[in-house]
C-alpha atoms as a PDB file:
ATOM      1  CA  MET A   1       0.000   0.000   0.000  1.00  0.00           C
ATOM      2  CA  ALA A   2       2.813   2.419   0.833  1.00  0.00           C
ATOM      3  CA  SER A   3       4.490   1.772  -2.495  1.00  0.00           C
ATOM      4  CA  GLN A   4       1.188   2.218  -4.326  1.00  0.00           C
ATOM      5  CA  ILE A   5       0.656   5.723  -2.907  1.00  0.00           C
ATOM      6  CA  GLY A   6       4.126   6.918  -3.875  1.00  0.00           C
ATOM      7  CA  VAL A   7       6.282   6.208  -0.832  1.00  0.00           C
ATOM      8  CA  ASP A   8       9.810   5.309  -1.917  1.00  0.00           C
ATOM      9  CA  GLN A   9      11.604   4.686   1.395  1.00  0.00           C
ATOM     10  CA  ALA A  10      10.816   2.585   4.440  1.00  0.00           C
ATOM     11  CA  VAL A  11      11.506   3.383   8.068  1.00  0.00           C
ATOM     12  CA  VAL A  12      12.009   0.018   9.712  1.00  0.00           C
ATOM     13  CA  HIS A  13      11.973  -1.183  13.286  1.00  0.00           C
ATOM     14  CA  PRO A  14      13.752  -4.532  13.071  1.00  0.00           C
ATOM     15  CA  HIS A  15      11.239  -6.138  15.460  1.00  0.00           C
ATOM     16  CA  MET A  16       8.506  -5.489  12.878  1.00  0.00           C
ATOM     17  CA  SER A  17      10.391  -6.128   9.661  1.00  0.00           C
ATOM     18  CA  ALA A  18       9.594  -7.819   6.397  1.00  0.00           C
ATOM     19  CA  VAL A  19      11.761 -10.751   7.470  1.00  0.00           C
ATOM     20  CA  ASP A  20       8.850 -12.338   9.293  1.00  0.00           C
ATOM     21  CA  ASN A  21       6.017 -10.645   7.362  1.00  0.00           C
ATOM     22  CA  GLY A  22       5.341  -8.184  10.159  1.00  0.00           C
ATOM     23  CA  ARG A  23       5.173 -10.665  13.012  1.00  0.00           C
ATOM     24  CA  ARG A  24       7.176  -9.667  16.063  1.00  0.00           C
ATOM     25  CA  GLY A  25      10.415 -11.599  16.258  1.00  0.00           C
ATOM     26  CA  ASP A  26      14.060 -11.295  17.165  1.00  0.00           C
ATOM     27  CA  THR A  27      15.881  -8.143  16.103  1.00  0.00           C
ATOM     28  CA  PRO A  28      17.803  -8.889  12.885  1.00  0.00           C
ATOM     29  CA  TRP A  29      21.223  -7.784  14.046  1.00  0.00           C
ATOM     30  CA  GLU A  30      23.103 -10.222  11.838  1.00  0.00           C
ATOM     31  CA  TYR A  31      24.246  -9.100   8.396  1.00  0.00           C
ATOM     32  CA  ASP A  32      22.347 -11.756   6.464  1.00  0.00           C
ATOM     33  CA  GLU A  33      19.105 -10.991   8.320  1.00  0.00           C
ATOM     34  CA  LEU A  34      19.469  -7.287   7.603  1.00  0.00           C
ATOM     35  CA  LEU A  35      20.198  -8.117   3.969  1.00  0.00           C
ATOM     36  CA  ARG A  36      17.031 -10.257   3.698  1.00  0.00           C
ATOM     37  CA  MET A  37      14.993  -7.468   5.253  1.00  0.00           C
ATOM     38  CA  LYS A  38      16.437  -4.845   2.881  1.00  0.00           C
ATOM     39  CA  THR A  39      15.913  -7.074  -0.155  1.00  0.00           C
ATOM     40  CA  ALA A  40      12.310  -7.807   0.827  1.00  0.00           C
ATOM     41  CA  PHE A  41      11.524  -4.078   0.795  1.00  0.00           C
ATOM     42  CA  GLU A  42      13.367  -3.561  -2.478  1.00  0.00           C
ATOM     43  CA  HIS A  43      11.186  -6.222  -4.110  1.00  0.00           C
ATOM     44  CA  ILE A  44       8.153  -3.974  -3.550  1.00  0.00           C
ATOM     45  CA  GLY A  45       9.939  -0.799  -4.624  1.00  0.00           C
ATOM     46  CA  LEU A  46      11.061   0.579  -1.254  1.00  0.00           C
ATOM     47  CA  ASP A  47      14.563   1.429  -0.122  1.00  0.00           C
ATOM     48  CA  VAL A  48      15.310   1.139   3.589  1.00  0.00           C
ATOM     49  CA  GLY A  49      16.138   4.722   4.525  1.00  0.00           C
ATOM     50  CA  VAL A  50      16.084   4.489   8.322  1.00  0.00           C
ATOM     51  CA  ILE A  51      16.329   1.890  11.041  1.00  0.00           C
ATOM     52  CA  GLU A  52      14.511   3.290  14.048  1.00  0.00           C
ATOM     53  CA  GLY A  53      14.860   1.510  17.375  1.00  0.00           C
ATOM     54  CA  GLY A  54      15.551  -2.147  17.905  1.00  0.00           C
ATOM     55  CA  THR A  55      19.291  -1.575  18.197  1.00  0.00           C
ATOM     56  CA  PRO A  56      21.668  -3.220  20.687  1.00  0.00           C
ATOM     57  CA  LEU A  57      21.372  -0.189  22.998  1.00  0.00           C
ATOM     58  CA  THR A  58      19.842  -0.475  26.469  1.00  0.00           C
ATOM     59  CA  ASP A  59      19.962   1.206  29.861  1.00  0.00           C
ATOM     60  CA  THR A  60      23.226  -0.618  30.470  1.00  0.00           C
ATOM     61  CA  THR A  61      24.814   2.044  28.271  1.00  0.00           C
ATOM     62  CA  ARG A  62      22.483   4.919  29.143  1.00  0.00           C
ATOM     63  CA  LEU A  63      23.117   4.426  32.863  1.00  0.00           C
ATOM     64  CA  GLY A  64      26.806   3.604  32.497  1.00  0.00           C
ATOM     65  CA  LEU A  65      26.491   0.155  34.058  1.00  0.00           C
ATOM     66  CA  GLU A  66      28.916  -2.730  33.922  1.00  0.00           C
ATOM     67  CA  GLY A  67      28.924  -4.181  30.421  1.00  0.00           C
ATOM     68  CA  ARG A  68      28.362  -0.927  28.559  1.00  0.00           C
ATOM     69  CA  ASP A  69      31.631  -1.170  26.612  1.00  0.00           C
ATOM     70  CA  GLU A  70      30.596  -4.565  25.272  1.00  0.00           C
ATOM     71  CA  GLU A  71      27.142  -3.210  24.426  1.00  0.00           C
ATOM     72  CA  ILE A  72      28.630  -0.193  22.640  1.00  0.00           C
ATOM     73  CA  GLU A  73      30.799  -2.532  20.575  1.00  0.00           C
ATOM     74  CA  ARG A  74      27.690  -4.510  19.585  1.00  0.00           C
ATOM     75  CA  PHE A  75      26.047  -1.222  18.641  1.00  0.00           C
ATOM     76  CA  ASN A  76      29.071  -0.285  16.540  1.00  0.00           C
ATOM     77  CA  ASP A  77      29.002  -3.674  14.863  1.00  0.00           C
ATOM     78  CA  PHE A  78      25.347  -3.012  13.966  1.00  0.00           C
ATOM     79  CA  VAL A  79      26.323   0.382  12.509  1.00  0.00           C
ATOM     80  CA  ARG A  80      29.047  -1.260  10.412  1.00  0.00           C
ATOM     81  CA  LYS A  81      26.517  -3.743   8.995  1.00  0.00           C
ATOM     82  CA  MET A  82      24.187  -0.878   8.118  1.00  0.00           C
ATOM     83  CA  GLY A  83      27.041   0.874   6.338  1.00  0.00           C
ATOM     84  CA  ALA A  84      27.887  -2.264   4.375  1.00  0.00           C
ATOM     85  CA  LEU A  85      24.239  -2.438   3.247  1.00  0.00           C
ATOM     86  CA  ASP A  86      23.950   1.303   2.441  1.00  0.00           C
ATOM     87  CA  ILE A  87      21.253   1.915   5.061  1.00  0.00           C
ATOM     88  CA  PRO A  88      22.018   5.573   5.802  1.00  0.00           C
ATOM     89  CA  ILE A  89      20.266   6.586   9.054  1.00  0.00           C
ATOM     90  CA  LEU A  90      19.981   5.022  12.500  1.00  0.00           C
ATOM     91  CA  CYS A  91      17.452   6.630  14.845  1.00  0.00           C
ATOM     92  CA  TYR A  92      17.980   6.108  18.589  1.00  0.00           C
ATOM     93  CA  SER A  93      16.915   7.708  21.861  1.00  0.00           C
ATOM     94  CA  TRP A  94      18.386   8.447  25.292  1.00  0.00           C
ATOM     95  CA  MET A  95      15.121   7.811  27.165  1.00  0.00           C
ATOM     96  CA  THR A  96      16.010   5.811  30.264  1.00  0.00           C
ATOM     97  CA  HIS A  97      13.713   3.273  31.985  1.00  0.00           C
ATOM     98  CA  PHE A  98      10.594   5.134  30.829  1.00  0.00           C
ATOM     99  CA  TRP A  99      10.444   5.156  27.046  1.00  0.00           C
ATOM    100  CA  TRP A 100       7.660   6.732  24.966  1.00  0.00           C
ATOM    101  CA  LEU A 101       4.974   7.504  27.555  1.00  0.00           C
ATOM    102  CA  ARG A 102       1.217   7.915  27.241  1.00  0.00           C
ATOM    103  CA  THR A 103      -1.542   7.580  29.811  1.00  0.00           C
ATOM    104  CA  THR A 104      -4.292   6.726  27.301  1.00  0.00           C
ATOM    105  CA  GLU A 105      -4.517   5.330  23.791  1.00  0.00           C
ATOM    106  CA  THR A 106      -8.216   6.052  23.281  1.00  0.00           C
ATOM    107  CA  HIS A 107      -8.546   9.837  23.474  1.00  0.00           C
ATOM    108  CA  PRO A 108     -11.269  10.951  21.010  1.00  0.00           C
ATOM    109  CA  VAL A 109     -10.390  13.480  18.292  1.00  0.00           C
ATOM    110  CA  ARG A 110     -12.043  14.504  15.017  1.00  0.00           C
ATOM    111  CA  GLY A 111     -14.797  12.124  13.986  1.00  0.00           C
ATOM    112  CA  ASN A 112     -14.272  10.093  17.171  1.00  0.00           C
ATOM    113  CA  ALA A 113     -11.023   8.701  15.870  1.00  0.00           C
ATOM    114  CA  GLU A 114      -8.861   7.593  18.779  1.00  0.00           C
ATOM    115  CA  THR A 115      -5.432   8.924  19.601  1.00  0.00           C
ATOM    116  CA  THR A 116      -2.898   8.872  22.416  1.00  0.00           C
ATOM    117  CA  ALA A 117      -2.608  11.420  25.199  1.00  0.00           C
ATOM    118  CA  TYR A 118      -0.412  12.093  28.217  1.00  0.00           C
ATOM    119  CA  ASP A 119      -1.380  13.450  31.640  1.00  0.00           C
ATOM    120  CA  HIS A 120       1.660  14.152  33.794  1.00  0.00           C
ATOM    121  CA  ASP A 121      -0.356  14.434  37.006  1.00  0.00           C
ATOM    122  CA  GLN A 122      -1.657  10.926  36.498  1.00  0.00           C
ATOM    123  CA  MET A 123       1.781   9.570  35.572  1.00  0.00           C
ATOM    124  CA  GLN A 124       3.443  11.059  38.647  1.00  0.00           C
ATOM    125  CA  ARG A 125       1.002   9.256  40.962  1.00  0.00           C
ATOM    126  CA  GLY A 126       2.619   5.962  39.996  1.00  0.00           C
ATOM    127  CA  PRO A 127       5.325   4.120  41.963  1.00  0.00           C
ATOM    128  CA  THR A 128       8.980   5.076  42.129  1.00  0.00           C
ATOM    129  CA  ALA A 129      10.955   3.672  39.219  1.00  0.00           C
ATOM    130  CA  LYS A 130      12.831   0.433  39.884  1.00  0.00           C
ATOM    131  CA  VAL A 131      16.083   2.057  38.724  1.00  0.00           C
ATOM    132  CA  GLY A 132      15.819   4.614  41.530  1.00  0.00           C
ATOM    133  CA  GLU A 133      16.877   8.233  41.192  1.00  0.00           C
ATOM    134  CA  VAL A 134      18.687   9.009  37.943  1.00  0.00           C
ATOM    135  CA  SER A 135      20.269  12.447  37.610  1.00  0.00           C
ATOM    136  CA  GLU A 136      20.423  14.433  34.408  1.00  0.00           C
ATOM    137  CA  GLU A 137      24.160  14.918  34.969  1.00  0.00           C
ATOM    138  CA  ARG A 138      24.670  11.163  34.866  1.00  0.00           C
ATOM    139  CA  LEU A 139      22.804  10.910  31.555  1.00  0.00           C
ATOM    140  CA  TRP A 140      24.827  13.732  30.003  1.00  0.00           C
ATOM    141  CA  GLU A 141      28.029  11.954  31.042  1.00  0.00           C
ATOM    142  CA  THR A 142      26.931   8.632  29.581  1.00  0.00           C
ATOM    143  CA  LEU A 143      25.684  10.230  26.348  1.00  0.00           C
ATOM    144  CA  GLU A 144      29.034  11.953  25.795  1.00  0.00           C
ATOM    145  CA  TYR A 145      30.831   8.660  26.501  1.00  0.00           C
ATOM    146  CA  PHE A 146      28.598   6.937  23.940  1.00  0.00           C
ATOM    147  CA  LEU A 147      28.994   9.566  21.220  1.00  0.00           C
ATOM    148  CA  GLU A 148      32.767   9.612  21.557  1.00  0.00           C
ATOM    149  CA  ARG A 149      32.821   5.891  20.761  1.00  0.00           C
ATOM    150  CA  VAL A 150      30.111   5.517  18.131  1.00  0.00           C
ATOM    151  CA  VAL A 151      30.232   8.667  15.982  1.00  0.00           C
ATOM    152  CA  PRO A 152      33.727   7.872  14.616  1.00  0.00           C
ATOM    153  CA  VAL A 153      32.443   4.463  13.502  1.00  0.00           C
ATOM    154  CA  ALA A 154      29.362   6.056  11.919  1.00  0.00           C
ATOM    155  CA  GLU A 155      31.628   8.494  10.080  1.00  0.00           C
ATOM    156  CA  GLU A 156      33.822   5.677   8.850  1.00  0.00           C
ATOM    157  CA  VAL A 157      30.960   3.673   7.319  1.00  0.00           C
ATOM    158  CA  GLY A 158      28.692   6.520   6.182  1.00  0.00           C
ATOM    159  CA  VAL A 159      25.807   6.129   8.640  1.00  0.00           C
ATOM    160  CA  THR A 160      24.161   9.126  10.325  1.00  0.00           C
ATOM    161  CA  LEU A 161      22.908   8.836  13.900  1.00  0.00           C
ATOM    162  CA  ALA A 162      19.611  10.660  14.507  1.00  0.00           C
ATOM    163  CA  LEU A 163      18.732  11.310  18.152  1.00  0.00           C
ATOM    164  CA  HIS A 164      15.002  11.237  18.995  1.00  0.00           C
ATOM    165  CA  PRO A 165      13.688  13.662  21.663  1.00  0.00           C
ATOM    166  CA  ASP A 166      12.389  12.407  24.972  1.00  0.00           C
ATOM    167  CA  ASP A 167       8.651  11.851  24.619  1.00  0.00           C
ATOM    168  CA  PRO A 168       7.207  13.645  26.461  1.00  0.00           C
ATOM    169  CA  PRO A 169      10.081  16.118  26.922  1.00  0.00           C
ATOM    170  CA  LEU A 170       9.877  16.275  30.726  1.00  0.00           C
ATOM    171  CA  SER A 171      12.359  15.734  33.537  1.00  0.00           C
ATOM    172  CA  PRO A 172      12.285  14.030  35.943  1.00  0.00           C
ATOM    173  CA  ILE A 173       9.535  11.438  35.679  1.00  0.00           C
ATOM    174  CA  ARG A 174       9.151   9.516  38.951  1.00  0.00           C
ATOM    175  CA  GLY A 175      12.727  10.363  39.829  1.00  0.00           C
ATOM    176  CA  VAL A 176      14.235   9.405  36.481  1.00  0.00           C
ATOM    177  CA  GLY A 177      15.944  12.265  34.687  1.00  0.00           C
ATOM    178  CA  ARG A 178      15.482  12.927  30.979  1.00  0.00           C
ATOM    179  CA  ILE A 179      17.824  15.221  29.066  1.00  0.00           C
ATOM    180  CA  ILE A 180      16.666  15.519  25.442  1.00  0.00           C
ATOM    181  CA  THR A 181      13.883  17.918  26.362  1.00  0.00           C
ATOM    182  CA  SER A 182      14.662  21.283  24.735  1.00  0.00           C
ATOM    183  CA  VAL A 183      16.216  23.095  21.795  1.00  0.00           C
ATOM    184  CA  GLU A 184      19.148  23.994  24.055  1.00  0.00           C
ATOM    185  CA  ALA A 185      19.656  20.316  24.881  1.00  0.00           C
ATOM    186  CA  TYR A 186      20.036  19.516  21.196  1.00  0.00           C
ATOM    187  CA  ASP A 187      22.510  22.369  20.789  1.00  0.00           C
ATOM    188  CA  ARG A 188      24.515  20.755  23.568  1.00  0.00           C
ATOM    189  CA  VAL A 189      24.358  17.321  21.904  1.00  0.00           C
ATOM    190  CA  MET A 190      25.561  18.744  18.601  1.00  0.00           C
ATOM    191  CA  ASN A 191      28.477  20.361  20.438  1.00  0.00           C
ATOM    192  CA  LEU A 192      29.401  17.208  22.383  1.00  0.00           C
ATOM    193  CA  TYR A 193      30.678  15.658  19.154  1.00  0.00           C
ATOM    194  CA  PRO A 194      30.395  17.990  16.136  1.00  0.00           C
ATOM    195  CA  SER A 195      29.979  15.828  13.061  1.00  0.00           C
ATOM    196  CA  ASP A 196      27.801  15.494   9.986  1.00  0.00           C
ATOM    197  CA  HIS A 197      27.037  12.009  11.328  1.00  0.00           C
ATOM    198  CA  ASN A 198      25.783  13.210  14.735  1.00  0.00           C
ATOM    199  CA  GLY A 199      22.294  14.334  13.802  1.00  0.00           C
ATOM    200  CA  ILE A 200      18.758  15.062  14.935  1.00  0.00           C
ATOM    201  CA  ASN A 201      15.513  13.191  14.520  1.00  0.00           C
ATOM    202  CA  PHE A 202      13.287  16.274  14.318  1.00  0.00           C
ATOM    203  CA  CYS A 203      10.085  14.919  15.867  1.00  0.00           C
ATOM    204  CA  GLN A 204       7.804  17.920  15.437  1.00  0.00           C
ATOM    205  CA  GLY A 205       5.265  16.910  18.078  1.00  0.00           C
ATOM    206  CA  ASN A 206       7.929  16.847  20.753  1.00  0.00           C
ATOM    207  CA  PHE A 207       9.290  20.232  19.734  1.00  0.00           C
ATOM    208  CA  VAL A 208       5.746  21.621  19.977  1.00  0.00           C
ATOM    209  CA  ALA A 209       5.590  20.146  23.489  1.00  0.00           C
ATOM    210  CA  MET A 210       8.855  21.946  24.271  1.00  0.00           C
ATOM    211  CA  GLY A 211       7.169  25.233  23.328  1.00  0.00           C
ATOM    212  CA  ALA A 212       9.359  25.717  20.250  1.00  0.00           C
ATOM    213  CA  ASP A 213       8.343  27.585  17.109  1.00  0.00           C
ATOM    214  CA  ILE A 214       8.545  24.799  14.525  1.00  0.00           C
ATOM    215  CA  PRO A 215       9.607  26.668  11.336  1.00  0.00           C
ATOM    216  CA  GLU A 216      12.080  28.803  13.300  1.00  0.00           C
ATOM    217  CA  THR A 217      13.577  25.746  15.004  1.00  0.00           C
ATOM    218  CA  ILE A 218      13.912  23.865  11.708  1.00  0.00           C
ATOM    219  CA  ARG A 219      15.947  26.777  10.357  1.00  0.00           C
ATOM    220  CA  HIS A 220      17.928  26.924  13.598  1.00  0.00           C
ATOM    221  CA  PHE A 221      19.143  23.331  13.269  1.00  0.00           C
ATOM    222  CA  GLY A 222      19.466  23.275   9.487  1.00  0.00           C
ATOM    223  CA  ASP A 223      21.808  20.538   8.276  1.00  0.00           C
ATOM    224  CA  ASP A 224      21.808  18.836  11.681  1.00  0.00           C
ATOM    225  CA  ILE A 225      18.308  17.485  10.913  1.00  0.00           C
ATOM    226  CA  ALA A 226      18.745  13.985   9.508  1.00  0.00           C
ATOM    227  CA  PHE A 227      15.226  12.567   9.797  1.00  0.00           C
ATOM    228  CA  VAL A 228      11.755  14.066  10.359  1.00  0.00           C
ATOM    229  CA  HIS A 229       8.629  12.945  12.205  1.00  0.00           C
ATOM    230  CA  PHE A 230       5.930  15.108  10.618  1.00  0.00           C
ATOM    231  CA  ARG A 231       3.333  15.227  13.382  1.00  0.00           C
ATOM    232  CA  ASP A 232       1.588  17.643  15.735  1.00  0.00           C
ATOM    233  CA  ILE A 233       0.045  17.808  19.214  1.00  0.00           C
ATOM    234  CA  GLU A 234      -2.363  19.928  21.208  1.00  0.00           C
ATOM    235  CA  GLY A 235      -1.199  21.071  24.632  1.00  0.00           C
ATOM    236  CA  ASP A 236       2.243  20.941  26.196  1.00  0.00           C
ATOM    237  CA  ALA A 237       4.670  18.401  27.630  1.00  0.00           C
ATOM    238  CA  GLU A 238       2.600  17.855  30.800  1.00  0.00           C
ATOM    239  CA  HIS A 239      -0.776  17.528  29.107  1.00  0.00           C
ATOM    240  CA  LEU A 240      -0.705  16.603  25.434  1.00  0.00           C
ATOM    241  CA  VAL A 241      -2.994  15.015  22.866  1.00  0.00           C
ATOM    242  CA  GLU A 242      -1.875  13.697  19.487  1.00  0.00           C
ATOM    243  CA  THR A 243      -3.690  15.349  16.568  1.00  0.00           C
ATOM    244  CA  TRP A 244      -4.351  14.710  12.935  1.00  0.00           C
ATOM    245  CA  GLN A 245      -1.511  16.239  10.926  1.00  0.00           C
ATOM    246  CA  ASP A 246      -3.892  18.849   9.467  1.00  0.00           C
ATOM    247  CA  ASP A 247      -5.738  19.631  12.697  1.00  0.00           C
ATOM    248  CA  GLY A 248      -3.129  20.803  15.215  1.00  0.00           C
ATOM    249  CA  PRO A 249      -1.753  24.227  16.164  1.00  0.00           C
ATOM    250  CA  THR A 250       1.339  24.129  13.929  1.00  0.00           C
ATOM    251  CA  ASP A 251       1.426  25.802  10.513  1.00  0.00           C
ATOM    252  CA  MET A 252       2.458  22.655   8.674  1.00  0.00           C
ATOM    253  CA  HIS A 253       2.854  24.436   5.334  1.00  0.00           C
ATOM    254  CA  ALA A 254       5.279  26.861   6.982  1.00  0.00           C
ATOM    255  CA  ALA A 255       7.141  23.873   8.417  1.00  0.00           C
ATOM    256  CA  MET A 256       7.433  22.318   4.957  1.00  0.00           C
ATOM    257  CA  GLU A 257       8.701  25.633   3.613  1.00  0.00           C
ATOM    258  CA  ALA A 258      11.349  25.682   6.335  1.00  0.00           C
ATOM    259  CA  TYR A 259      12.537  22.206   5.311  1.00  0.00           C
ATOM    260  CA  ARG A 260      12.798  23.475   1.746  1.00  0.00           C
ATOM    261  CA  ASP A 261      14.742  26.528   2.879  1.00  0.00           C
ATOM    262  CA  ILE A 262      17.383  24.452   4.703  1.00  0.00           C
ATOM    263  CA  GLY A 263      17.710  22.093   1.740  1.00  0.00           C
ATOM    264  CA  PHE A 264      16.434  19.079   3.665  1.00  0.00           C
ATOM    265  CA  ASP A 265      16.248  16.014   1.421  1.00  0.00           C
ATOM    266  CA  GLY A 266      16.181  13.232   3.995  1.00  0.00           C
ATOM    267  CA  PRO A 267      13.397  10.848   5.001  1.00  0.00           C
ATOM    268  CA  ALA A 268      10.220  12.026   6.728  1.00  0.00           C
ATOM    269  CA  ARG A 269       7.341   9.995   8.089  1.00  0.00           C
ATOM    270  CA  PRO A 270       4.019  10.862   9.747  1.00  0.00           C
ATOM    271  CA  ASP A 271       4.881   8.888  12.882  1.00  0.00           C
ATOM    272  CA  HIS A 272       1.836   8.888  15.194  1.00  0.00           C
ATOM    273  CA  VAL A 273      -1.645   9.099  13.673  1.00  0.00           C
ATOM    274  CA  PRO A 274      -5.142   8.655  15.110  1.00  0.00           C
ATOM    275  CA  SER A 275      -6.730   5.212  14.798  1.00  0.00           C
ATOM    276  CA  MET A 276      -9.791   5.146  12.560  1.00  0.00           C
ATOM    277  CA  THR A 277     -12.880   2.953  12.406  1.00  0.00           C
ATOM    278  CA  SER A 278     -12.042  -0.783  12.636  1.00  0.00           C
ATOM    279  CA  GLU A 279      -8.501  -0.037  13.854  1.00  0.00           C
ATOM    280  CA  GLY A 280      -6.740   0.427  17.156  1.00  0.00           C
ATOM    281  CA  ASP A 281      -6.587  -3.021  18.665  1.00  0.00           C
ATOM    282  CA  ASP A 282      -2.968  -3.016  19.780  1.00  0.00           C
ATOM    283  CA  THR A 283      -0.899  -0.536  17.792  1.00  0.00           C
ATOM    284  CA  ALA A 284      -2.319   2.855  18.752  1.00  0.00           C
ATOM    285  CA  GLY A 285      -0.676   5.633  16.769  1.00  0.00           C
ATOM    286  CA  TYR A 286       0.707   3.378  14.035  1.00  0.00           C
ATOM    287  CA  GLU A 287      -2.320   2.140  12.112  1.00  0.00           C
ATOM    288  CA  MET A 288      -2.394   2.265   8.309  1.00  0.00           C
ATOM    289  CA  LYS A 289      -5.509   4.275   7.459  1.00  0.00           C
ATOM    290  CA  GLY A 290      -4.351   7.353   9.341  1.00  0.00           C
ATOM    291  CA  ARG A 291      -0.894   7.060   7.814  1.00  0.00           C
ATOM    292  CA  LEU A 292      -2.358   6.938   4.300  1.00  0.00           C
ATOM    293  CA  PHE A 293      -4.207  10.176   5.034  1.00  0.00           C
ATOM    294  CA  ALA A 294      -1.122  11.798   6.575  1.00  0.00           C
ATOM    295  CA  ILE A 295       1.149  10.847   3.684  1.00  0.00           C
ATOM    296  CA  GLY A 296      -1.331  12.267   1.184  1.00  0.00           C
ATOM    297  CA  TYR A 297      -1.446  15.471   3.207  1.00  0.00           C
ATOM    298  CA  MET A 298       2.350  15.637   3.239  1.00  0.00           C
ATOM    299  CA  GLN A 299       2.472  15.072  -0.524  1.00  0.00           C
ATOM    300  CA  GLY A 300       0.053  17.957  -1.049  1.00  0.00           C
ATOM    301  CA  LEU A 301       2.134  20.260   1.133  1.00  0.00           C
ATOM    302  CA  ILE A 302       5.301  19.257  -0.720  1.00  0.00           C
ATOM    303  CA  GLU A 303       3.671  20.022  -4.079  1.00  0.00           C
ATOM    304  CA  ALA A 304       2.404  23.388  -2.823  1.00  0.00           C
ATOM    305  CA  THR A 305       5.810  24.231  -1.357  1.00  0.00           C
ATOM    306  CA  TYR A 306       7.916  23.300  -4.384  1.00  0.00           C
ATOM    307  CA  ARG A 307       5.555  24.237  -7.232  1.00  0.00           C
ATOM    308  CA  ASP A 308       7.464  27.438  -8.032  1.00  0.00           C
ATOM    309  CA  ASP A 309      10.925  25.842  -7.858  1.00  0.00           C
END
């Protein structure tokens, strides 16, 4: 379906790859498994542009625990395999213990479609995290340690690392610090290891939650943006609701114009979308009908933005 509507690149989480026809399985970290996955997409006209998540990176590295050097070497080995297969972008996050957080997956939006939402007051009433208190300083130290060891490998093999924001961009959550929560935080990351291969996954919804002006921030980061999540939210980091791409507060045409102005030519995907009628059993935010709508909307904005070029 994606190929039929004009998509030419795939963003792949190895747990949900074409290797096993979409059934959840082991992450294909081995070269031959990655090759089979890439070839399966090519047979339907899609290049693999991004691997997002599913990498050999855990809290062992993020928290600086025993075994992180071995884990970083496994991560680097994964990056080398991607380079050998010409898969150009690896999206990762520095969210520790708590990953992508929502408190509901059935919030009603336009037409009673269902979307995800987050209520920080409700989240904070939960128990203390099993990892205990985690300081932001500790996470900055471990991120710098990581970048110093993986960016040179990414440079060597031609892979760009794209760091996803914390979602939601709040710190702390039940005592666990989060550091990728602001424009200034990304400036700091870019300065920790300046490189064309140390990049940003510009997830628009999270930057809205940070209170950032989206077109202005796109121009601020410019070439550091490697990969885009073209989505929007209502609210802020403490109380947010996912929206349809055409029904949120952001001027999405102005955002597309900003991408044009910085010369962005990388991959972009809708990311989260509302679930429509007959959908939403177990994959809230990632169903196909809403993505088909969102991709068509993006195509229209691209045509309107580039029609005079």
